[in-house]
């Protein structure tokens, strides 16, 4: 027997063992993958809780980059217009979504026999922030939006009163618009608005302390930080849109405020919204503050429907 035969036999044995182990590992991976796929299929939601309501009649249009949809209740309207500014990743078609809070509002008006206002949803895309023209290229949407409203009303009719409604990103946007142009609006309903006591240009230690106080999710806060810095270039520019700074110019003749927020808001907005309500009341602004037990954008549809239709 030559010296190479034992080595060749050993190689074949080792190759067989390694091949068997590789097949076992591959089989285990395949079984785990199939088990995971089966679990995701079993545990995935099969549907959604939907609201029973009669959808408003919808007509949509554009004004430059601004997209909008007009919604009128089939029973009639009050003569007011509510401009709805949606939350992040939504659009102007959300009003008749039967899984969204806007359907709950329509259901509430229908159940109570209350005529609602005409609703005009506005959108510049999935993500946008109303800011005066500043150093950032995408700033200036505030002036654009305000210049677009007369053109929209020329098509749909001049309102008795203008109201603002927005949630999350839209909640901040309606506060910016309404508090910057208080003579143009009668009411502002800001739900879970992006109101912070700390500026996005504050120190890291200040932002970290804010997250600890509010229980905000760090990844969420980082996303908000990035978005804010996309539209504003400095702390001075931020102060031009911060509701906590804008409210200092408000008084008894300012638009009435409806503010709500969930206690366990992952965006950390409860603290800032509560502070805004306190400052607004101190300035004599008619203010409804609805602290709610829940997460981001927990909403009390009954009180909100009453505020918008009264």
Foldseek 3Di string as FASTA:
>chain_A
DDPVVVVVVVVVVVVVVVVVVVVVVVVVVVVVVVVVVVVCVVPPDPDADFADADFFDWDWDADVLKTKIKGAHPVGADQEEEEEEEAAQDFRVCQRGRRDLNSVLRVLCVVVVFHFHIYMYMDNDRDDAAFCDDDAPRYHVLVVVVVCVVVVCVVVHDGPFYEYEYFARSLLRQLQNQLVCQVRHAAYERELYLADPDDLPDDPVVVVVLCVVQVADPVLLVVVSVSVCNHDPDPVRVLSRHSVNSLVPDALSGHAYEYEFASNENNSRPVRRVVSQVSNVVRNHHYHYHYHHDYGRPDDSNVVSVVRRD
